[in-house]
Amino acid sequence: MERHKILIVDDEPHILSLLKKILEEGNREVLTAKSAEEAWQLLKEKGEVGVIICDHRLPNMSGVDFLVKVKRLYPDTIRILVTGYPEISTAVEAINKAHIWRYILKPIDVDNLKILIKQAFEYYRILKENRLLLKIARQQKEWIEAMKKEFPEIINQKLNESSSELDEKKMTEIIEEFTKRYYNQK
């Protein structure tokens, strides 16, 4: 089973250690960074993470700016912004530019955070599954288009219950042979 990776970005060490302790359970791997630069380095080393919890006030870069960059490179990663200084303009910017999933105020409600993280990973799983299904659907569409070109008589044939020009066994053989050739070309 693949481990769920969470990245927590906050310049306050006690917040990092507290959140790590709270969220590190089951098959979760919790990564921590004290700055956006350190977080980028972790993402380069570890690859995509399922969830990022990021403080808004970071050294050298705002949490919103960091999450905007994350969105560009890892669009499926669930982005959560945390702040101890709530401002409407920050929330609007985070929603409109970084497309955050949640905006959380400090002090953090631990029980609520645990529930949110479960929901975030479920949402992340659904996003990934949908991307895979979309890819499969596109491949199937390409396959059907190639079949239409090679065997228009099969695709265009109108089968009815009483008769058919090609029997089912023959059609199955043709389709299986075509499928082997089609996928060996790619």
C-alpha atoms as a PDB file:
ATOM      1  CA  MET A   1       0.000   0.000   0.000  1.00  0.00           C
ATOM      2  CA  GLU A   2       1.327   3.406  -0.967  1.00  0.00           C
ATOM      3  CA  ARG A   3       2.019   5.790   1.882  1.00  0.00           C
ATOM      4  CA  HIS A   4       0.068   9.028   2.016  1.00  0.00           C
ATOM      5  CA  LYS A   5       2.517  11.924   1.986  1.00  0.00           C
ATOM      6  CA  ILE A   6       1.776  15.213   3.730  1.00  0.00           C
ATOM      7  CA  LEU A   7       4.047  18.251   3.576  1.00  0.00           C
ATOM      8  CA  ILE A   8       3.736  20.819   6.369  1.00  0.00           C
ATOM      9  CA  VAL A   9       5.355  24.206   5.743  1.00  0.00           C
ATOM     10  CA  ASP A  10       5.642  26.587   8.704  1.00  0.00           C
ATOM     11  CA  ASP A  11       8.493  28.719  10.036  1.00  0.00           C
ATOM     12  CA  GLU A  12       7.572  27.912  13.655  1.00  0.00           C
ATOM     13  CA  PRO A  13       9.368  24.698  14.752  1.00  0.00           C
ATOM     14  CA  HIS A  14       6.894  23.935  17.563  1.00  0.00           C
ATOM     15  CA  ILE A  15       3.963  24.037  15.087  1.00  0.00           C
ATOM     16  CA  LEU A  16       5.831  21.693  12.730  1.00  0.00           C
ATOM     17  CA  SER A  17       6.591  19.156  15.447  1.00  0.00           C
ATOM     18  CA  LEU A  18       3.065  19.330  16.903  1.00  0.00           C
ATOM     19  CA  LEU A  19       1.365  18.840  13.519  1.00  0.00           C
ATOM     20  CA  LYS A  20       3.789  16.077  12.584  1.00  0.00           C
ATOM     21  CA  LYS A  21       3.014  14.227  15.826  1.00  0.00           C
ATOM     22  CA  ILE A  22      -0.750  14.660  15.332  1.00  0.00           C
ATOM     23  CA  LEU A  23      -0.852  13.640  11.661  1.00  0.00           C
ATOM     24  CA  GLU A  24       1.746  10.865  11.574  1.00  0.00           C
ATOM     25  CA  GLU A  25      -0.419   7.789  11.881  1.00  0.00           C
ATOM     26  CA  GLY A  26      -1.174   4.673   9.886  1.00  0.00           C
ATOM     27  CA  ASN A  27       0.336   4.754   6.433  1.00  0.00           C
ATOM     28  CA  ARG A  28       1.124   8.485   6.444  1.00  0.00           C
ATOM     29  CA  GLU A  29       4.520  10.010   5.864  1.00  0.00           C
ATOM     30  CA  VAL A  30       4.716  13.554   7.219  1.00  0.00           C
ATOM     31  CA  LEU A  31       7.390  15.835   5.775  1.00  0.00           C
ATOM     32  CA  THR A  32       8.175  19.216   7.317  1.00  0.00           C
ATOM     33  CA  ALA A  33       9.828  22.379   6.032  1.00  0.00           C
ATOM     34  CA  LYS A  34      10.562  25.736   7.688  1.00  0.00           C
ATOM     35  CA  SER A  35      10.470  27.706   4.414  1.00  0.00           C
ATOM     36  CA  ALA A  36       9.183  27.563   0.858  1.00  0.00           C
ATOM     37  CA  GLU A  37      12.731  26.906  -0.370  1.00  0.00           C
ATOM     38  CA  GLU A  38      13.109  23.929   1.953  1.00  0.00           C
ATOM     39  CA  ALA A  39       9.670  22.673   0.890  1.00  0.00           C
ATOM     40  CA  TRP A  40      10.666  22.857  -2.799  1.00  0.00           C
ATOM     41  CA  GLN A  41      13.775  20.845  -2.056  1.00  0.00           C
ATOM     42  CA  LEU A  42      11.665  18.176  -0.344  1.00  0.00           C
ATOM     43  CA  LEU A  43       9.268  18.064  -3.297  1.00  0.00           C
ATOM     44  CA  LYS A  44      12.226  17.600  -5.666  1.00  0.00           C
ATOM     45  CA  GLU A  45      13.552  14.734  -3.546  1.00  0.00           C
ATOM     46  CA  LYS A  46      10.289  13.019  -2.595  1.00  0.00           C
ATOM     47  CA  GLY A  47       8.049  13.872  -5.556  1.00  0.00           C
ATOM     48  CA  GLU A  48       4.381  14.719  -5.423  1.00  0.00           C
ATOM     49  CA  VAL A  49       2.641  14.727  -2.060  1.00  0.00           C
ATOM     50  CA  GLY A  50      -1.076  14.252  -1.514  1.00  0.00           C
ATOM     51  CA  VAL A  51      -1.612  17.161   0.872  1.00  0.00           C
ATOM     52  CA  ILE A  52       0.275  20.365   1.683  1.00  0.00           C
ATOM     53  CA  ILE A  53      -0.518  22.347   4.815  1.00  0.00           C
ATOM     54  CA  CYS A  54       1.174  25.724   4.501  1.00  0.00           C
ATOM     55  CA  ASP A  55       1.351  28.729   6.809  1.00  0.00           C
ATOM     56  CA  HIS A  56       0.660  32.025   5.067  1.00  0.00           C
ATOM     57  CA  ARG A  57       3.506  33.985   6.649  1.00  0.00           C
ATOM     58  CA  LEU A  58       6.762  32.373   5.572  1.00  0.00           C
ATOM     59  CA  PRO A  59      10.227  33.891   5.214  1.00  0.00           C
ATOM     60  CA  ASN A  60      10.976  35.152   1.663  1.00  0.00           C
ATOM     61  CA  MET A  61       7.645  34.046   0.161  1.00  0.00           C
ATOM     62  CA  SER A  62       3.998  34.059   1.196  1.00  0.00           C
ATOM     63  CA  GLY A  63       2.161  30.799   1.644  1.00  0.00           C
ATOM     64  CA  VAL A  64      -0.210  31.806  -1.153  1.00  0.00           C
ATOM     65  CA  ASP A  65       2.684  32.377  -3.584  1.00  0.00           C
ATOM     66  CA  PHE A  66       4.169  29.018  -2.630  1.00  0.00           C
ATOM     67  CA  LEU A  67       0.844  27.237  -3.149  1.00  0.00           C
ATOM     68  CA  VAL A  68       0.394  28.921  -6.544  1.00  0.00           C
ATOM     69  CA  LYS A  69       3.730  27.393  -7.606  1.00  0.00           C
ATOM     70  CA  VAL A  70       2.660  24.019  -6.205  1.00  0.00           C
ATOM     71  CA  LYS A  71      -0.598  24.213  -8.169  1.00  0.00           C
ATOM     72  CA  ARG A  72       1.323  24.685 -11.435  1.00  0.00           C
ATOM     73  CA  LEU A  73       3.602  21.687 -10.907  1.00  0.00           C
ATOM     74  CA  TYR A  74       1.313  19.397  -8.898  1.00  0.00           C
ATOM     75  CA  PRO A  75      -2.280  20.336  -9.762  1.00  0.00           C
ATOM     76  CA  ASP A  76      -3.778  17.347  -7.925  1.00  0.00           C
ATOM     77  CA  THR A  77      -2.030  18.056  -4.616  1.00  0.00           C
ATOM     78  CA  ILE A  78      -4.559  19.223  -2.044  1.00  0.00           C
ATOM     79  CA  ARG A  79      -3.539  22.680  -0.811  1.00  0.00           C
ATOM     80  CA  ILE A  80      -4.470  23.959   2.663  1.00  0.00           C
ATOM     81  CA  LEU A  81      -3.518  27.448   3.863  1.00  0.00           C
ATOM     82  CA  VAL A  82      -3.125  28.134   7.590  1.00  0.00           C
ATOM     83  CA  THR A  83      -2.912  31.587   9.125  1.00  0.00           C
ATOM     84  CA  GLY A  84      -2.932  33.246  12.500  1.00  0.00           C
ATOM     85  CA  TYR A  85      -3.706  36.600  10.866  1.00  0.00           C
ATOM     86  CA  PRO A  86      -6.972  36.184   8.979  1.00  0.00           C
ATOM     87  CA  GLU A  87      -7.610  38.781   6.313  1.00  0.00           C
ATOM     88  CA  ILE A  88     -10.308  38.652   3.671  1.00  0.00           C
ATOM     89  CA  SER A  89      -7.838  39.706   0.973  1.00  0.00           C
ATOM     90  CA  THR A  90      -5.556  36.768   1.837  1.00  0.00           C
ATOM     91  CA  ALA A  91      -8.443  34.304   1.723  1.00  0.00           C
ATOM     92  CA  VAL A  92      -9.649  35.661  -1.622  1.00  0.00           C
ATOM     93  CA  GLU A  93      -6.142  35.538  -3.095  1.00  0.00           C
ATOM     94  CA  ALA A  94      -5.616  31.989  -1.808  1.00  0.00           C
ATOM     95  CA  ILE A  95      -8.904  30.799  -3.284  1.00  0.00           C
ATOM     96  CA  ASN A  96      -8.611  32.603  -6.619  1.00  0.00           C
ATOM     97  CA  LYS A  97      -4.897  32.132  -7.330  1.00  0.00           C
ATOM     98  CA  ALA A  98      -3.795  28.996  -5.469  1.00  0.00           C
ATOM     99  CA  HIS A  99      -7.173  27.229  -5.609  1.00  0.00           C
ATOM    100  CA  ILE A 100      -6.773  26.118  -2.026  1.00  0.00           C
ATOM    101  CA  TRP A 101      -8.991  23.356  -0.708  1.00  0.00           C
ATOM    102  CA  ARG A 102      -9.296  24.792   2.826  1.00  0.00           C
ATOM    103  CA  TYR A 103      -8.398  27.961   4.746  1.00  0.00           C
ATOM    104  CA  ILE A 104      -7.661  27.195   8.413  1.00  0.00           C
ATOM    105  CA  LEU A 105      -7.220  29.657  11.258  1.00  0.00           C
ATOM    106  CA  LYS A 106      -4.735  29.327  14.114  1.00  0.00           C
ATOM    107  CA  PRO A 107      -5.004  28.051  16.752  1.00  0.00           C
ATOM    108  CA  ILE A 108      -5.761  24.860  14.856  1.00  0.00           C
ATOM    109  CA  ASP A 109      -8.596  22.630  16.042  1.00  0.00           C
ATOM    110  CA  VAL A 110      -6.771  19.274  16.140  1.00  0.00           C
ATOM    111  CA  ASP A 111      -9.876  17.070  15.931  1.00  0.00           C
ATOM    112  CA  ASN A 112     -11.186  19.037  12.965  1.00  0.00           C
ATOM    113  CA  LEU A 113      -7.767  18.883  11.282  1.00  0.00           C
ATOM    114  CA  LYS A 114      -7.675  15.080  11.555  1.00  0.00           C
ATOM    115  CA  ILE A 115     -11.070  14.854   9.860  1.00  0.00           C
ATOM    116  CA  LEU A 116     -10.017  17.339   7.165  1.00  0.00           C
ATOM    117  CA  ILE A 117      -6.862  15.371   6.384  1.00  0.00           C
ATOM    118  CA  LYS A 118      -8.860  12.150   5.929  1.00  0.00           C
ATOM    119  CA  GLN A 119     -11.225  14.001   3.601  1.00  0.00           C
ATOM    120  CA  ALA A 120      -8.304  15.596   1.750  1.00  0.00           C
ATOM    121  CA  PHE A 121      -6.694  12.235   1.014  1.00  0.00           C
ATOM    122  CA  GLU A 122     -10.010  10.815  -0.170  1.00  0.00           C
ATOM    123  CA  TYR A 123     -10.441  13.810  -2.489  1.00  0.00           C
ATOM    124  CA  TYR A 124      -6.845  13.386  -3.729  1.00  0.00           C
ATOM    125  CA  ARG A 125      -7.487   9.690  -4.429  1.00  0.00           C
ATOM    126  CA  ILE A 126     -10.613  10.562  -6.425  1.00  0.00           C
ATOM    127  CA  LEU A 127      -8.719  13.190  -8.457  1.00  0.00           C
ATOM    128  CA  LYS A 128      -5.986  10.682  -9.309  1.00  0.00           C
ATOM    129  CA  GLU A 129      -8.515   7.984 -10.168  1.00  0.00           C
ATOM    130  CA  ASN A 130     -10.426  10.389 -12.426  1.00  0.00           C
ATOM    131  CA  ARG A 131      -7.215  11.342 -14.260  1.00  0.00           C
ATOM    132  CA  LEU A 132      -6.477   7.662 -14.839  1.00  0.00           C
ATOM    133  CA  LEU A 133     -10.013   6.956 -16.073  1.00  0.00           C
ATOM    134  CA  LEU A 134      -9.812   9.936 -18.422  1.00  0.00           C
ATOM    135  CA  LYS A 135      -6.519   8.629 -19.821  1.00  0.00           C
ATOM    136  CA  ILE A 136      -8.058   5.175 -20.358  1.00  0.00           C
ATOM    137  CA  ALA A 137     -11.119   6.704 -22.044  1.00  0.00           C
ATOM    138  CA  ARG A 138      -8.867   8.673 -24.427  1.00  0.00           C
ATOM    139  CA  GLN A 139      -6.899   5.528 -25.273  1.00  0.00           C
ATOM    140  CA  GLN A 140     -10.104   3.632 -25.925  1.00  0.00           C
ATOM    141  CA  LYS A 141     -11.347   6.427 -28.171  1.00  0.00           C
ATOM    142  CA  GLU A 142      -8.085   6.301 -30.160  1.00  0.00           C
ATOM    143  CA  TRP A 143      -8.439   2.528 -30.449  1.00  0.00           C
ATOM    144  CA  ILE A 144     -12.030   2.832 -31.711  1.00  0.00           C
ATOM    145  CA  GLU A 145     -10.995   5.472 -34.268  1.00  0.00           C
ATOM    146  CA  ALA A 146      -8.230   3.187 -35.528  1.00  0.00           C
ATOM    147  CA  MET A 147     -10.723   0.291 -35.728  1.00  0.00           C
ATOM    148  CA  LYS A 148     -13.132   2.454 -37.719  1.00  0.00           C
ATOM    149  CA  LYS A 149     -10.417   3.182 -40.273  1.00  0.00           C
ATOM    150  CA  GLU A 150      -9.237  -0.395 -40.621  1.00  0.00           C
ATOM    151  CA  PHE A 151     -12.596  -2.202 -40.435  1.00  0.00           C
ATOM    152  CA  PRO A 152     -15.399   0.165 -41.431  1.00  0.00           C
ATOM    153  CA  GLU A 153     -17.664  -2.769 -42.310  1.00  0.00           C
ATOM    154  CA  ILE A 154     -17.665  -3.929 -38.680  1.00  0.00           C
ATOM    155  CA  ILE A 155     -18.174  -0.536 -37.114  1.00  0.00           C
ATOM    156  CA  ASN A 156     -20.800   0.628 -39.591  1.00  0.00           C
ATOM    157  CA  GLN A 157     -22.681  -2.650 -39.660  1.00  0.00           C
ATOM    158  CA  LYS A 158     -26.103  -2.440 -38.108  1.00  0.00           C
ATOM    159  CA  LEU A 159     -26.638  -5.638 -36.223  1.00  0.00           C
ATOM    160  CA  ASN A 160     -30.085  -6.739 -35.347  1.00  0.00           C
ATOM    161  CA  GLU A 161     -31.404  -9.700 -33.457  1.00  0.00           C
ATOM    162  CA  SER A 162     -32.535 -11.643 -36.523  1.00  0.00           C
ATOM    163  CA  SER A 163     -29.444 -11.522 -38.727  1.00  0.00           C
ATOM    164  CA  SER A 164     -25.860 -10.444 -39.038  1.00  0.00           C
ATOM    165  CA  GLU A 165     -23.423 -10.544 -41.935  1.00  0.00           C
ATOM    166  CA  LEU A 166     -20.466 -11.371 -39.719  1.00  0.00           C
ATOM    167  CA  ASP A 167     -20.803 -13.931 -37.009  1.00  0.00           C
ATOM    168  CA  GLU A 168     -19.728 -13.152 -33.467  1.00  0.00           C
ATOM    169  CA  LYS A 169     -16.759 -15.543 -33.501  1.00  0.00           C
ATOM    170  CA  LYS A 170     -15.326 -14.000 -36.671  1.00  0.00           C
ATOM    171  CA  MET A 171     -15.769 -10.461 -35.304  1.00  0.00           C
ATOM    172  CA  THR A 172     -14.016 -11.453 -32.061  1.00  0.00           C
ATOM    173  CA  GLU A 173     -11.062 -12.870 -34.017  1.00  0.00           C
ATOM    174  CA  ILE A 174     -10.775  -9.718 -36.140  1.00  0.00           C
ATOM    175  CA  ILE A 175     -10.912  -7.436 -33.100  1.00  0.00           C
ATOM    176  CA  GLU A 176      -8.373  -9.495 -31.142  1.00  0.00           C
ATOM    177  CA  GLU A 177      -5.952  -9.533 -34.091  1.00  0.00           C
ATOM    178  CA  PHE A 178      -6.354  -5.797 -34.612  1.00  0.00           C
ATOM    179  CA  THR A 179      -5.846  -5.098 -30.899  1.00  0.00           C
ATOM    180  CA  LYS A 180      -2.552  -7.012 -30.883  1.00  0.00           C
ATOM    181  CA  ARG A 181      -1.292  -5.087 -33.915  1.00  0.00           C
ATOM    182  CA  TYR A 182      -2.555  -1.737 -32.614  1.00  0.00           C
ATOM    183  CA  TYR A 183      -0.872  -1.983 -29.208  1.00  0.00           C
ATOM    184  CA  ASN A 184       2.365  -3.412 -30.620  1.00  0.00           C
ATOM    185  CA  GLN A 185       2.704  -0.273 -32.783  1.00  0.00           C
ATOM    186  CA  LYS A 186       2.692   2.062 -29.779  1.00  0.00           C
END
